[in-house]
Each structure stands twice: as C-alpha cells, then as structure tokens.
Amino acid sequence: MAEQKIGQLLDTLGVTADLDDEDMPVDAVVLLKVVRADGAVSLVKGDSESLDWISSLGMLTAAMEIDRGGFTKLTEEPDE
C-alpha cells in the first residue's frame, strides 16, 4: 500500500463539515472504512501533516463525545 492524498475521495463520498466562512481549519483526522480486494473490511486512519499524536488522540476522543451528543458548538462568547 502507498500513502495517497484523499481530498477528492472525500468529496466523492460526500463528506461535509459545519464551518462558518470565517473558520480556519488547521488539522484533520479522517477515518475510512475500506473494503479490500479480498473482501476484508478494515479501518484506515489519516492525519494532516502537522498533526501530532497527542492532538490526534484528543480529536478522536472529542469526536466520540460529539457523536454521542456530549458537546455542542458555542454560538456566542460566554460572559466573563
């Protein structure tokens, strides 16, 4: 197997994210469910170039909480 860029693949799969025009994405973790040529199913993880392992682990952990409904996006700055 060889590493390959997957931006166009994500577009083909219809991957979207809830971003505002002013938002600046800086890192990404991508999990892909892959069916191999022999029919085996596996998971493949991809990271953006600058992502370190501890941030990757934190993002994956946060994604699990978001998927369970544990975090919500703040729409306003909290009062100080």
PDB file of N, CA and C in Angstrom:
ATOM      1  N   MET A   1       0.832  -1.182   0.000  1.00  0.00           N
ATOM      2  CA  MET A   1       0.000   0.000   0.000  1.00  0.00           C
ATOM      3  C   MET A   1       0.877   1.245   0.000  1.00  0.00           C
ATOM      4  N   ALA A   2       0.395   2.275  -0.644  1.00  0.00           N
ATOM      5  CA  ALA A   2       1.109   3.547  -0.686  1.00  0.00           C
ATOM      6  C   ALA A   2       0.203   4.656  -0.169  1.00  0.00           C
ATOM      7  N   GLU A   3       0.801   5.588   0.555  1.00  0.00           N
ATOM      8  CA  GLU A   3       0.024   6.731   1.019  1.00  0.00           C
ATOM      9  C   GLU A   3      -0.403   7.564  -0.181  1.00  0.00           C
ATOM     10  N   GLN A   4      -1.621   8.099  -0.108  1.00  0.00           N
ATOM     11  CA  GLN A   4      -2.118   8.945  -1.185  1.00  0.00           C
ATOM     12  C   GLN A   4      -3.009  10.033  -0.623  1.00  0.00           C
ATOM     13  N   LYS A   5      -3.060  11.141  -1.321  1.00  0.00           N
ATOM     14  CA  LYS A   5      -3.934  12.241  -0.913  1.00  0.00           C
ATOM     15  C   LYS A   5      -5.383  11.813  -1.136  1.00  0.00           C
ATOM     16  N   ILE A   6      -6.289  12.237  -0.224  1.00  0.00           N
ATOM     17  CA  ILE A   6      -7.664  11.731  -0.277  1.00  0.00           C
ATOM     18  C   ILE A   6      -8.718  12.824  -0.373  1.00  0.00           C
ATOM     19  N   GLY A   7      -8.314  14.058  -0.648  1.00  0.00           N
ATOM     20  CA  GLY A   7      -9.286  15.151  -0.738  1.00  0.00           C
ATOM     21  C   GLY A   7     -10.398  14.878  -1.734  1.00  0.00           C
ATOM     22  N   GLN A   8     -10.036  14.465  -2.941  1.00  0.00           N
ATOM     23  CA  GLN A   8     -11.038  14.189  -3.977  1.00  0.00           C
ATOM     24  C   GLN A   8     -11.903  12.992  -3.574  1.00  0.00           C
ATOM     25  N   LEU A   9     -11.308  11.995  -2.920  1.00  0.00           N
ATOM     26  CA  LEU A   9     -12.073  10.844  -2.446  1.00  0.00           C
ATOM     27  C   LEU A   9     -13.129  11.279  -1.436  1.00  0.00           C
ATOM     28  N   LEU A  10     -12.750  12.158  -0.505  1.00  0.00           N
ATOM     29  CA  LEU A  10     -13.715  12.652   0.481  1.00  0.00           C
ATOM     30  C   LEU A  10     -14.841  13.413  -0.200  1.00  0.00           C
ATOM     31  N   ASP A  11     -14.515  14.196  -1.238  1.00  0.00           N
ATOM     32  CA  ASP A  11     -15.549  14.895  -1.999  1.00  0.00           C
ATOM     33  C   ASP A  11     -16.494  13.900  -2.671  1.00  0.00           C
ATOM     34  N   THR A  12     -15.935  12.845  -3.246  1.00  0.00           N
ATOM     35  CA  THR A  12     -16.740  11.821  -3.916  1.00  0.00           C
ATOM     36  C   THR A  12     -17.676  11.116  -2.942  1.00  0.00           C
ATOM     37  N   LEU A  13     -17.188  10.899  -1.705  1.00  0.00           N
ATOM     38  CA  LEU A  13     -18.015  10.255  -0.684  1.00  0.00           C
ATOM     39  C   LEU A  13     -19.047  11.205  -0.077  1.00  0.00           C
ATOM     40  N   GLY A  14     -18.965  12.490  -0.413  1.00  0.00           N
ATOM     41  CA  GLY A  14     -19.936  13.461   0.086  1.00  0.00           C
ATOM     42  C   GLY A  14     -19.660  13.921   1.508  1.00  0.00           C
ATOM     43  N   VAL A  15     -18.402  13.878   1.937  1.00  0.00           N
ATOM     44  CA  VAL A  15     -18.044  14.304   3.296  1.00  0.00           C
ATOM     45  C   VAL A  15     -18.209  15.812   3.409  1.00  0.00           C
ATOM     46  N   THR A  16     -18.910  16.253   4.455  1.00  0.00           N
ATOM     47  CA  THR A  16     -19.111  17.676   4.703  1.00  0.00           C
ATOM     48  C   THR A  16     -18.785  17.993   6.159  1.00  0.00           C
ATOM     49  N   ALA A  17     -18.624  19.263   6.460  1.00  0.00           N
ATOM     50  CA  ALA A  17     -18.395  19.721   7.829  1.00  0.00           C
ATOM     51  C   ALA A  17     -19.137  21.034   8.022  1.00  0.00           C
ATOM     52  N   ASP A  18     -19.582  21.291   9.240  1.00  0.00           N
ATOM     53  CA  ASP A  18     -20.306  22.507   9.576  1.00  0.00           C
ATOM     54  C   ASP A  18     -19.300  23.606   9.916  1.00  0.00           C
ATOM     55  N   LEU A  19     -18.968  24.447   8.931  1.00  0.00           N
ATOM     56  CA  LEU A  19     -17.984  25.515   9.104  1.00  0.00           C
ATOM     57  C   LEU A  19     -18.585  26.854   8.707  1.00  0.00           C
ATOM     58  N   ASP A  20     -18.195  27.900   9.420  1.00  0.00           N
ATOM     59  CA  ASP A  20     -18.566  29.257   9.049  1.00  0.00           C
ATOM     60  C   ASP A  20     -17.521  29.798   8.074  1.00  0.00           C
ATOM     61  N   ASP A  21     -17.875  30.851   7.332  1.00  0.00           N
ATOM     62  CA  ASP A  21     -16.960  31.425   6.351  1.00  0.00           C
ATOM     63  C   ASP A  21     -15.660  31.901   6.990  1.00  0.00           C
ATOM     64  N   GLU A  22     -15.709  32.359   8.246  1.00  0.00           N
ATOM     65  CA  GLU A  22     -14.530  32.892   8.913  1.00  0.00           C
ATOM     66  C   GLU A  22     -13.666  31.800   9.552  1.00  0.00           C
ATOM     67  N   ASP A  23     -14.167  30.570   9.652  1.00  0.00           N
ATOM     68  CA  ASP A  23     -13.436  29.475  10.297  1.00  0.00           C
ATOM     69  C   ASP A  23     -12.194  29.106   9.481  1.00  0.00           C
ATOM     70  N   MET A  24     -11.124  28.721  10.184  1.00  0.00           N
ATOM     71  CA  MET A  24      -9.895  28.326   9.525  1.00  0.00           C
ATOM     72  C   MET A  24      -9.477  26.938  10.017  1.00  0.00           C
ATOM     73  N   PRO A  25      -9.844  25.891   9.301  1.00  0.00           N
ATOM     74  CA  PRO A  25      -9.414  24.548   9.704  1.00  0.00           C
ATOM     75  C   PRO A  25      -7.890  24.459   9.686  1.00  0.00           C
ATOM     76  N   VAL A  26      -7.324  23.837  10.731  1.00  0.00           N
ATOM     77  CA  VAL A  26      -5.863  23.747  10.818  1.00  0.00           C
ATOM     78  C   VAL A  26      -5.355  22.308  10.868  1.00  0.00           C
ATOM     79  N   ASP A  27      -6.166  21.359  11.252  1.00  0.00           N
ATOM     80  CA  ASP A  27      -5.770  19.956  11.298  1.00  0.00           C
ATOM     81  C   ASP A  27      -6.973  19.078  11.014  1.00  0.00           C
ATOM     82  N   ALA A  28      -6.706  17.827  10.647  1.00  0.00           N
ATOM     83  CA  ALA A  28      -7.795  16.894  10.367  1.00  0.00           C
ATOM     84  C   ALA A  28      -7.376  15.469  10.705  1.00  0.00           C
ATOM     85  N   VAL A  29      -8.356  14.708  11.176  1.00  0.00           N
ATOM     86  CA  VAL A  29      -8.226  13.268  11.358  1.00  0.00           C
ATOM     87  C   VAL A  29      -9.349  12.654  10.537  1.00  0.00           C
ATOM     88  N   VAL A  30      -9.016  11.666   9.726  1.00  0.00           N
ATOM     89  CA  VAL A  30     -10.005  11.034   8.855  1.00  0.00           C
ATOM     90  C   VAL A  30      -9.990   9.530   9.104  1.00  0.00           C
ATOM     91  N   LEU A  31     -11.159   8.959   9.352  1.00  0.00           N
ATOM     92  CA  LEU A  31     -11.300   7.506   9.453  1.00  0.00           C
ATOM     93  C   LEU A  31     -12.046   7.021   8.215  1.00  0.00           C
ATOM     94  N   LEU A  32     -11.495   6.027   7.558  1.00  0.00           N
ATOM     95  CA  LEU A  32     -12.118   5.464   6.366  1.00  0.00           C
ATOM     96  C   LEU A  32     -12.415   3.993   6.589  1.00  0.00           C
ATOM     97  N   LYS A  33     -13.632   3.587   6.253  1.00  0.00           N
ATOM     98  CA  LYS A  33     -13.972   2.159   6.215  1.00  0.00           C
ATOM     99  C   LYS A  33     -13.649   1.693   4.802  1.00  0.00           C
ATOM    100  N   VAL A  34     -12.790   0.705   4.704  1.00  0.00           N
ATOM    101  CA  VAL A  34     -12.277   0.265   3.407  1.00  0.00           C
ATOM    102  C   VAL A  34     -12.604  -1.209   3.197  1.00  0.00           C
ATOM    103  N   VAL A  35     -13.107  -1.542   2.026  1.00  0.00           N
ATOM    104  CA  VAL A  35     -13.295  -2.938   1.627  1.00  0.00           C
ATOM    105  C   VAL A  35     -12.124  -3.277   0.705  1.00  0.00           C
ATOM    106  N   ARG A  36     -11.289  -4.196   1.139  1.00  0.00           N
ATOM    107  CA  ARG A  36     -10.099  -4.595   0.386  1.00  0.00           C
ATOM    108  C   ARG A  36     -10.482  -5.485  -0.797  1.00  0.00           C
ATOM    109  N   ALA A  37      -9.546  -5.704  -1.689  1.00  0.00           N
ATOM    110  CA  ALA A  37      -9.779  -6.509  -2.890  1.00  0.00           C
ATOM    111  C   ALA A  37     -10.225  -7.930  -2.540  1.00  0.00           C
ATOM    112  N   ASP A  38      -9.751  -8.452  -1.393  1.00  0.00           N
ATOM    113  CA  ASP A  38     -10.132  -9.812  -0.989  1.00  0.00           C
ATOM    114  C   ASP A  38     -11.445  -9.859  -0.209  1.00  0.00           C
ATOM    115  N   GLY A  39     -12.119  -8.703  -0.075  1.00  0.00           N
ATOM    116  CA  GLY A  39     -13.395  -8.636   0.624  1.00  0.00           C
ATOM    117  C   GLY A  39     -13.281  -8.305   2.100  1.00  0.00           C
ATOM    118  N   ALA A  40     -12.069  -8.278   2.638  1.00  0.00           N
ATOM    119  CA  ALA A  40     -11.869  -7.927   4.046  1.00  0.00           C
ATOM    120  C   ALA A  40     -12.217  -6.450   4.264  1.00  0.00           C
ATOM    121  N   VAL A  41     -12.809  -6.161   5.408  1.00  0.00           N
ATOM    122  CA  VAL A  41     -13.168  -4.788   5.755  1.00  0.00           C
ATOM    123  C   VAL A  41     -12.217  -4.309   6.837  1.00  0.00           C
ATOM    124  N   SER A  42     -11.704  -3.096   6.685  1.00  0.00           N
ATOM    125  CA  SER A  42     -10.791  -2.557   7.687  1.00  0.00           C
ATOM    126  C   SER A  42     -11.020  -1.064   7.851  1.00  0.00           C
ATOM    127  N   LEU A  43     -10.421  -0.509   8.889  1.00  0.00           N
ATOM    128  CA  LEU A  43     -10.435   0.931   9.109  1.00  0.00           C
ATOM    129  C   LEU A  43      -9.043   1.471   8.821  1.00  0.00           C
ATOM    130  N   VAL A  44      -8.994   2.614   8.166  1.00  0.00           N
ATOM    131  CA  VAL A  44      -7.744   3.289   7.856  1.00  0.00           C
ATOM    132  C   VAL A  44      -7.845   4.703   8.414  1.00  0.00           C
ATOM    133  N   LYS A  45      -6.787   5.154   9.100  1.00  0.00           N
ATOM    134  CA  LYS A  45      -6.773   6.490   9.700  1.00  0.00           C
ATOM    135  C   LYS A  45      -5.773   7.359   8.958  1.00  0.00           C
ATOM    136  N   GLY A  46      -6.195   8.555   8.624  1.00  0.00           N
ATOM    137  CA  GLY A  46      -5.306   9.526   8.004  1.00  0.00           C
ATOM    138  C   GLY A  46      -5.270  10.794   8.841  1.00  0.00           C
ATOM    139  N   ASP A  47      -4.131  11.465   8.841  1.00  0.00           N
ATOM    140  CA  ASP A  47      -3.956  12.716   9.598  1.00  0.00           C
ATOM    141  C   ASP A  47      -3.390  13.789   8.676  1.00  0.00           C
ATOM    142  N   SER A  48      -3.652  15.045   9.017  1.00  0.00           N
ATOM    143  CA  SER A  48      -2.985  16.130   8.318  1.00  0.00           C
ATOM    144  C   SER A  48      -1.517  16.139   8.720  1.00  0.00           C
ATOM    145  N   GLU A  49      -0.681  16.711   7.862  1.00  0.00           N
ATOM    146  CA  GLU A  49       0.773  16.645   8.057  1.00  0.00           C
ATOM    147  C   GLU A  49       1.258  17.193   9.392  1.00  0.00           C
ATOM    148  N   SER A  50       0.648  18.257   9.875  1.00  0.00           N
ATOM    149  CA  SER A  50       1.155  18.911  11.090  1.00  0.00           C
ATOM    150  C   SER A  50       0.579  18.333  12.381  1.00  0.00           C
ATOM    151  N   LEU A  51      -0.321  17.360  12.280  1.00  0.00           N
ATOM    152  CA  LEU A  51      -0.996  16.837  13.468  1.00  0.00           C
ATOM    153  C   LEU A  51      -0.085  15.892  14.244  1.00  0.00           C
ATOM    154  N   ASP A  52       0.119  16.194  15.538  1.00  0.00           N
ATOM    155  CA  ASP A  52       0.920  15.311  16.380  1.00  0.00           C
ATOM    156  C   ASP A  52       0.009  14.259  17.020  1.00  0.00           C
ATOM    157  N   TRP A  53       0.612  13.221  17.601  1.00  0.00           N
ATOM    158  CA  TRP A  53      -0.160  12.078  18.097  1.00  0.00           C
ATOM    159  C   TRP A  53      -1.084  12.458  19.246  1.00  0.00           C
ATOM    160  N   ILE A  54      -0.659  13.380  20.103  1.00  0.00           N
ATOM    161  CA  ILE A  54      -1.499  13.725  21.251  1.00  0.00           C
ATOM    162  C   ILE A  54      -2.722  14.535  20.814  1.00  0.00           C
ATOM    163  N   SER A  55      -2.550  15.416  19.838  1.00  0.00           N
ATOM    164  CA  SER A  55      -3.699  16.157  19.299  1.00  0.00           C
ATOM    165  C   SER A  55      -4.626  15.221  18.541  1.00  0.00           C
ATOM    166  N   SER A  56      -4.044  14.252  17.824  1.00  0.00           N
ATOM    167  CA  SER A  56      -4.849  13.269  17.111  1.00  0.00           C
ATOM    168  C   SER A  56      -5.715  12.469  18.080  1.00  0.00           C
ATOM    169  N   LEU A  57      -5.107  12.010  19.169  1.00  0.00           N
ATOM    170  CA  LEU A  57      -5.854  11.258  20.181  1.00  0.00           C
ATOM    171  C   LEU A  57      -6.951  12.127  20.797  1.00  0.00           C
ATOM    172  N   GLY A  58      -6.630  13.374  21.089  1.00  0.00           N
ATOM    173  CA  GLY A  58      -7.631  14.283  21.648  1.00  0.00           C
ATOM    174  C   GLY A  58      -8.789  14.520  20.691  1.00  0.00           C
ATOM    175  N   MET A  59      -8.485  14.687  19.398  1.00  0.00           N
ATOM    176  CA  MET A  59      -9.540  14.905  18.408  1.00  0.00           C
ATOM    177  C   MET A  59     -10.429  13.672  18.265  1.00  0.00           C
ATOM    178  N   LEU A  60      -9.822  12.479  18.284  1.00  0.00           N
ATOM    179  CA  LEU A  60     -10.618  11.255  18.192  1.00  0.00           C
ATOM    180  C   LEU A  60     -11.520  11.085  19.409  1.00  0.00           C
ATOM    181  N   THR A  61     -10.991  11.389  20.595  1.00  0.00           N
ATOM    182  CA  THR A  61     -11.774  11.301  21.826  1.00  0.00           C
ATOM    183  C   THR A  61     -12.924  12.305  21.795  1.00  0.00           C
ATOM    184  N   ALA A  62     -12.630  13.525  21.369  1.00  0.00           N
ATOM    185  CA  ALA A  62     -13.677  14.549  21.270  1.00  0.00           C
ATOM    186  C   ALA A  62     -14.734  14.151  20.242  1.00  0.00           C
ATOM    187  N   ALA A  63     -14.311  13.537  19.139  1.00  0.00           N
ATOM    188  CA  ALA A  63     -15.268  13.103  18.111  1.00  0.00           C
ATOM    189  C   ALA A  63     -16.251  12.082  18.667  1.00  0.00           C
ATOM    190  N   MET A  64     -15.759  11.188  19.530  1.00  0.00           N
ATOM    191  CA  MET A  64     -16.657  10.210  20.153  1.00  0.00           C
ATOM    192  C   MET A  64     -17.695  10.916  21.012  1.00  0.00           C
ATOM    193  N   GLU A  65     -17.287  11.915  21.763  1.00  0.00           N
ATOM    194  CA  GLU A  65     -18.219  12.668  22.609  1.00  0.00           C
ATOM    195  C   GLU A  65     -19.213  13.460  21.764  1.00  0.00           C
ATOM    196  N   ILE A  66     -18.724  14.081  20.701  1.00  0.00           N
ATOM    197  CA  ILE A  66     -19.616  14.847  19.811  1.00  0.00           C
ATOM    198  C   ILE A  66     -20.648  13.909  19.194  1.00  0.00           C
ATOM    199  N   ASP A  67     -20.215  12.721  18.774  1.00  0.00           N
ATOM    200  CA  ASP A  67     -21.122  11.753  18.164  1.00  0.00           C
ATOM    201  C   ASP A  67     -22.201  11.305  19.144  1.00  0.00           C
ATOM    202  N   ARG A  68     -21.864  11.245  20.419  1.00  0.00           N
ATOM    203  CA  ARG A  68     -22.836  10.876  21.463  1.00  0.00           C
ATOM    204  C   ARG A  68     -23.687  12.063  21.910  1.00  0.00           C
ATOM    205  N   GLY A  69     -23.417  13.250  21.386  1.00  0.00           N
ATOM    206  CA  GLY A  69     -24.177  14.433  21.768  1.00  0.00           C
ATOM    207  C   GLY A  69     -23.632  15.104  23.007  1.00  0.00           C
ATOM    208  N   GLY A  70     -22.381  14.818  23.369  1.00  0.00           N
ATOM    209  CA  GLY A  70     -21.791  15.340  24.588  1.00  0.00           C
ATOM    210  C   GLY A  70     -21.290  16.772  24.507  1.00  0.00           C
ATOM    211  N   PHE A  71     -20.994  17.267  23.319  1.00  0.00           N
ATOM    212  CA  PHE A  71     -20.516  18.637  23.160  1.00  0.00           C
ATOM    213  C   PHE A  71     -21.440  19.364  22.189  1.00  0.00           C
ATOM    214  N   THR A  72     -21.592  20.641  22.380  1.00  0.00           N
ATOM    215  CA  THR A  72     -22.341  21.459  21.431  1.00  0.00           C
ATOM    216  C   THR A  72     -21.479  22.639  21.034  1.00  0.00           C
ATOM    217  N   LYS A  73     -21.713  23.155  19.865  1.00  0.00           N
ATOM    218  CA  LYS A  73     -20.966  24.297  19.367  1.00  0.00           C
ATOM    219  C   LYS A  73     -21.476  25.561  20.050  1.00  0.00           C
ATOM    220  N   LEU A  74     -20.548  26.362  20.581  1.00  0.00           N
ATOM    221  CA  LEU A  74     -20.939  27.640  21.172  1.00  0.00           C
ATOM    222  C   LEU A  74     -21.244  28.619  20.054  1.00  0.00           C
ATOM    223  N   THR A  75     -22.394  29.293  20.148  1.00  0.00           N
ATOM    224  CA  THR A  75     -22.731  30.278  19.121  1.00  0.00           C
ATOM    225  C   THR A  75     -22.389  31.689  19.574  1.00  0.00           C
ATOM    226  N   GLU A  76     -22.193  31.874  20.862  1.00  0.00           N
ATOM    227  CA  GLU A  76     -21.833  33.185  21.404  1.00  0.00           C
ATOM    228  C   GLU A  76     -20.712  32.997  22.411  1.00  0.00           C
ATOM    229  N   GLU A  77     -19.936  34.052  22.598  1.00  0.00           N
ATOM    230  CA  GLU A  77     -18.894  34.023  23.608  1.00  0.00           C
ATOM    231  C   GLU A  77     -19.549  34.041  24.982  1.00  0.00           C
ATOM    232  N   PRO A  78     -19.083  33.224  25.922  1.00  0.00           N
ATOM    233  CA  PRO A  78     -19.664  33.236  27.274  1.00  0.00           C
ATOM    234  C   PRO A  78     -19.340  34.549  27.990  1.00  0.00           C
ATOM    235  N   ASP A  79     -20.232  34.950  28.885  1.00  0.00           N
ATOM    236  CA  ASP A  79     -19.994  36.167  29.671  1.00  0.00           C
ATOM    237  C   ASP A  79     -18.846  35.923  30.635  1.00  0.00           C
ATOM    238  N   GLU A  80     -18.002  36.947  30.795  1.00  0.00           N
ATOM    239  CA  GLU A  80     -16.884  36.800  31.723  1.00  0.00           C
ATOM    240  C   GLU A  80     -17.188  37.459  33.027  1.00  0.00           C
TER     241      GLU A  80
END
